[in-house]
């Protein structure tokens, strides 16, 4: 069994904020893969289902971000799981919007949700880092992550969520490259060599058929001069 944790803050006020992209990811997996309805458990909300051959518990801690580890630790201990059975989806300032990277272990880089999970289960869990970009100034970070995604960001956000759902089975089965590839195919699909780039139309061939070439003139220079004065 595995636990997929989405990080975020509870309540409608935060539902569409950048800090809640982890919630959005597990919501999409639950919706697309036929998981059970969400119910309250382990100081959070859980949904159960299967991804391929793997039984997976989806968990959204309802403790607010900086206490997320309480919920994750409780669920992990109940099922007698190891940190390596836990995968956490979270927002990542250090990745450009729409980028997705898989990481195991390491520091929390100041992320309050990860810091709390470190305190409760250690660092040896898996993370899905979901890029939201950086506002550019450290003092602007708090307001930025707690602000709703802009209308202009909806396109890449939907592509990212679709890619995560497409790759969820591979992720559960330990195929991290397969997961990353599924996301990439949604976020940056390969361009067909036969199709024109987005926003452009294929060039039209308006050229008319060339006129038939004149027959070769086999007259000598002297004959041409004589013919000119006729």
Protein backbone atom coordinates (compact mmCIF):
# COMPACT_ATOMS: atom_id res chain seq x y z
CA UNK A 1 0.00 0.00 0.00
CA UNK A 2 1.08 3.58 -0.65
CA UNK A 3 0.00 7.02 0.48
CA UNK A 4 -0.17 9.90 -2.00
CA UNK A 5 -0.33 13.15 -0.03
CA UNK A 6 -1.46 16.44 -1.53
CA UNK A 7 -0.40 19.53 0.42
CA UNK A 8 -2.58 22.59 0.82
CA UNK A 9 -4.75 24.56 3.21
CA UNK A 10 -8.38 23.60 3.99
CA UNK A 11 -11.40 25.75 3.16
CA UNK A 12 -12.81 27.50 0.12
CA UNK A 13 -10.71 30.60 0.77
CA UNK A 14 -7.55 28.72 -0.25
CA UNK A 15 -8.98 26.27 -2.79
CA UNK A 16 -7.54 27.95 -5.90
CA UNK A 17 -4.30 29.30 -4.46
CA UNK A 18 -0.85 28.31 -5.67
CA UNK A 19 -0.07 26.76 -2.27
CA UNK A 20 -2.92 24.28 -2.87
CA UNK A 21 -1.61 22.76 -6.08
CA UNK A 22 -0.93 19.54 -4.14
CA UNK A 23 -4.61 19.26 -3.22
CA UNK A 24 -5.49 19.85 -6.87
CA UNK A 25 -3.20 17.03 -8.00
CA UNK A 26 -4.68 14.34 -5.76
CA UNK A 27 -8.21 15.60 -6.46
CA UNK A 28 -7.56 15.02 -10.16
CA UNK A 29 -6.18 11.52 -9.56
CA UNK A 30 -9.23 10.63 -7.42
CA UNK A 31 -11.63 11.93 -10.07
CA UNK A 32 -10.00 10.27 -13.07
CA UNK A 33 -9.20 6.90 -11.50
CA UNK A 34 -12.46 6.04 -9.74
CA UNK A 35 -11.38 6.47 -6.12
CA UNK A 36 -13.91 6.40 -3.28
CA UNK A 37 -15.56 9.64 -2.16
CA UNK A 38 -13.47 11.78 0.21
CA UNK A 39 -14.09 11.20 3.93
CA UNK A 40 -12.62 12.53 7.15
CA UNK A 41 -9.77 10.49 8.65
CA UNK A 42 -6.24 10.97 10.05
CA UNK A 43 -6.82 14.71 10.63
CA UNK A 44 -7.45 15.01 6.93
CA UNK A 45 -9.57 13.82 4.04
CA UNK A 46 -8.89 10.45 2.41
CA UNK A 47 -9.97 8.59 -0.72
CA UNK A 48 -9.03 5.00 -1.52
CA UNK A 49 -8.49 3.18 -4.79
CA UNK A 50 -6.07 1.40 -7.06
CA UNK A 51 -3.51 2.61 -9.57
CA UNK A 52 -2.59 -0.39 -11.67
CA UNK A 53 -1.74 -3.20 -9.26
CA UNK A 54 -1.09 -0.84 -6.32
CA UNK A 55 -3.54 0.05 -3.57
CA UNK A 56 -3.26 3.77 -2.87
CA UNK A 57 -4.62 6.05 -0.15
CA UNK A 58 -4.96 9.68 -1.21
CA UNK A 59 -4.60 12.09 1.72
CA UNK A 60 -5.29 15.82 2.04
CA UNK A 61 -4.24 17.01 5.53
CA UNK A 62 -6.79 19.44 7.02
CA UNK A 63 -4.41 20.73 9.69
CA UNK A 64 -3.23 23.72 7.64
CA UNK A 65 0.07 23.58 5.82
CA UNK A 66 2.51 24.01 8.71
CA UNK A 67 1.06 21.01 10.62
CA UNK A 68 0.73 18.64 7.66
CA UNK A 69 3.11 16.13 9.22
CA UNK A 70 0.63 15.30 11.99
CA UNK A 71 -1.84 13.91 9.47
CA UNK A 72 0.77 12.14 7.34
CA UNK A 73 2.47 10.54 10.36
CA UNK A 74 -0.83 9.29 11.77
CA UNK A 75 -1.83 7.64 8.50
CA UNK A 76 1.61 6.11 7.97
CA UNK A 77 1.71 4.60 11.45
CA UNK A 78 -1.83 3.22 11.21
CA UNK A 79 -0.99 1.24 8.07
CA UNK A 80 2.50 0.37 9.37
CA UNK A 81 4.18 1.91 6.34
CA UNK A 82 7.70 3.25 5.85
CA UNK A 83 8.56 6.77 4.63
CA UNK A 84 9.41 5.24 1.24
CA UNK A 85 5.72 4.33 0.83
CA UNK A 86 4.75 8.01 1.00
CA UNK A 87 4.70 10.42 -1.98
CA UNK A 88 3.98 14.11 -1.38
CA UNK A 89 2.69 16.50 -4.07
CA UNK A 90 3.60 20.12 -3.27
CA UNK A 91 4.15 23.57 -4.76
CA UNK A 92 7.73 24.45 -5.71
CA UNK A 93 8.93 28.05 -5.99
CA UNK A 94 12.25 27.06 -7.54
CA UNK A 95 10.67 25.54 -10.66
CA UNK A 96 9.08 27.52 -13.46
CA UNK A 97 5.29 27.22 -13.75
CA UNK A 98 4.22 23.88 -15.21
CA UNK A 99 7.48 22.04 -14.53
CA UNK A 100 7.32 18.79 -12.55
CA UNK A 101 10.21 16.99 -10.91
CA UNK A 102 10.45 13.85 -8.77
CA UNK A 103 12.74 13.85 -5.72
CA UNK A 104 13.44 11.44 -2.87
CA UNK A 105 14.92 12.62 0.43
CA UNK A 106 16.86 15.82 0.97
CA UNK A 107 15.98 19.09 2.68
CA UNK A 108 12.65 20.90 2.85
CA UNK A 109 14.00 24.21 1.42
CA UNK A 110 11.88 26.22 3.84
CA UNK A 111 8.55 24.77 2.69
CA UNK A 112 6.37 24.72 5.81
CA UNK A 113 4.44 21.60 4.83
CA UNK A 114 7.59 19.62 4.09
CA UNK A 115 9.26 20.89 7.25
CA UNK A 116 6.37 19.49 9.29
CA UNK A 117 6.48 16.14 7.47
CA UNK A 118 10.24 15.95 8.07
CA UNK A 119 9.60 16.38 11.79
CA UNK A 120 7.06 13.54 11.90
CA UNK A 121 8.38 10.88 9.48
CA UNK A 122 11.89 11.96 8.50
CA UNK A 123 13.09 12.92 5.04
CA UNK A 124 13.17 9.59 3.18
CA UNK A 125 9.84 10.04 1.40
CA UNK A 126 9.18 10.84 -2.26
CA UNK A 127 8.15 14.27 -3.48
CA UNK A 128 6.50 15.52 -6.63
CA UNK A 129 7.70 19.11 -6.98
CA UNK A 130 5.13 21.14 -8.92
CA UNK A 131 6.53 24.39 -10.29
CA UNK A 132 4.63 27.60 -9.58
CA UNK A 133 7.46 30.06 -10.25
CA UNK A 134 8.91 32.68 -7.90
CA UNK A 135 7.63 36.24 -7.43
CA UNK A 136 11.21 37.52 -7.56
CA UNK A 137 11.46 38.95 -4.05
CA UNK A 138 11.64 36.92 -0.84
CA UNK A 139 9.28 39.25 1.00
CA UNK A 140 6.61 38.71 -1.68
CA UNK A 141 6.57 34.90 -1.36
CA UNK A 142 3.87 34.62 1.34
CA UNK A 143 1.37 36.72 -0.59
CA UNK A 144 2.26 35.01 -3.87
CA UNK A 145 1.69 31.41 -2.75
CA UNK A 146 -1.56 32.33 -0.98
CA UNK A 147 -2.93 34.09 -4.05
CA UNK A 148 -5.22 32.40 -6.59
CA UNK A 149 -3.73 31.25 -9.88
CA UNK A 150 -4.18 33.92 -12.53
CA UNK A 151 -6.63 33.37 -15.38
CA UNK A 152 -3.70 33.24 -17.81
CA UNK A 153 -2.22 30.29 -15.88
CA UNK A 154 -5.24 28.02 -16.26
CA UNK A 155 -3.97 26.47 -19.49
CA UNK A 156 -0.65 25.14 -18.22
CA UNK A 157 -2.22 24.22 -14.86
CA UNK A 158 -4.83 22.02 -16.53
CA UNK A 159 -2.18 20.40 -18.73
CA UNK A 160 -0.07 19.67 -15.63
CA UNK A 161 -3.01 18.11 -13.77
CA UNK A 162 -3.89 15.94 -16.78
CA UNK A 163 -0.28 14.79 -17.04
CA UNK A 164 -0.13 13.89 -13.35
CA UNK A 165 -3.31 11.84 -13.72
CA UNK A 166 -1.99 10.15 -16.87
CA UNK A 167 1.22 9.18 -15.08
CA UNK A 168 -0.27 8.24 -11.71
CA UNK A 169 -0.25 4.50 -12.44
CA UNK A 170 3.42 4.58 -13.46
CA UNK A 171 4.27 6.58 -10.33
CA UNK A 172 2.52 4.08 -8.05
CA UNK A 173 4.38 1.22 -9.72
CA UNK A 174 7.74 2.89 -9.18
CA UNK A 175 8.27 3.96 -12.79
CA UNK A 176 9.39 7.55 -12.21
CA UNK A 177 10.65 8.13 -15.78
CA UNK A 178 7.29 6.88 -17.08
CA UNK A 179 5.51 9.34 -14.79
CA UNK A 180 7.71 12.23 -15.89
CA UNK A 181 7.18 11.32 -19.54
CA UNK A 182 3.39 11.29 -19.12
CA UNK A 183 3.52 14.78 -17.62
CA UNK A 184 5.84 16.05 -20.35
CA UNK A 185 3.53 14.76 -23.09
CA UNK A 186 0.75 16.95 -21.70
CA UNK A 187 2.77 20.03 -20.77
CA UNK A 188 5.08 20.08 -23.81
CA UNK A 189 3.72 17.70 -26.46
CA UNK A 190 6.02 16.95 -29.39
CA UNK A 191 5.27 19.04 -32.45
CA UNK A 192 4.34 17.13 -35.59
CA UNK A 193 6.73 17.74 -38.46
CA UNK A 194 3.73 17.75 -40.82
CA UNK A 195 1.81 20.44 -39.00
CA UNK A 196 2.46 24.16 -38.85
CA UNK A 197 3.48 25.71 -35.50
CA UNK A 198 0.61 26.79 -33.25
CA UNK A 199 -0.82 30.12 -34.39
CA UNK A 200 0.51 29.73 -37.92
CA UNK A 201 -1.04 28.26 -41.01
CA UNK A 202 0.73 26.09 -43.47
CA UNK A 203 2.02 28.12 -46.45
CA UNK A 204 -0.21 27.94 -49.52
CA UNK A 205 1.23 27.11 -52.88
CA UNK A 206 -0.23 29.93 -54.97
CA UNK A 207 2.40 29.74 -57.68
CA UNK A 208 0.96 29.15 -61.13
CA UNK A 209 2.42 26.46 -63.37
CA UNK A 210 5.39 27.76 -65.26
CA UNK A 211 4.84 28.40 -68.96
CA UNK A 212 6.22 25.80 -71.30
CA UNK A 213 9.79 26.54 -72.29
CA UNK A 214 10.30 27.94 -75.80
CA UNK A 215 11.93 25.55 -78.25
CA UNK A 216 15.67 25.93 -78.53
CA UNK A 217 16.80 28.36 -81.31
CA UNK A 218 19.27 26.45 -83.50
CA UNK A 219 19.92 29.32 -86.01
CA UNK A 220 23.47 30.57 -86.54
CA UNK A 221 24.31 34.20 -85.59
CA UNK A 222 24.52 35.11 -89.28
CA UNK A 223 21.09 33.59 -89.99
CA UNK A 224 19.59 35.47 -87.02
CA UNK A 225 20.99 38.77 -88.39
CA UNK A 226 19.66 38.06 -91.86
CA UNK A 227 16.22 37.19 -90.53
CA UNK A 228 16.12 40.46 -88.59
CA UNK A 229 16.13 42.54 -91.78
CA UNK A 230 13.54 40.57 -93.64
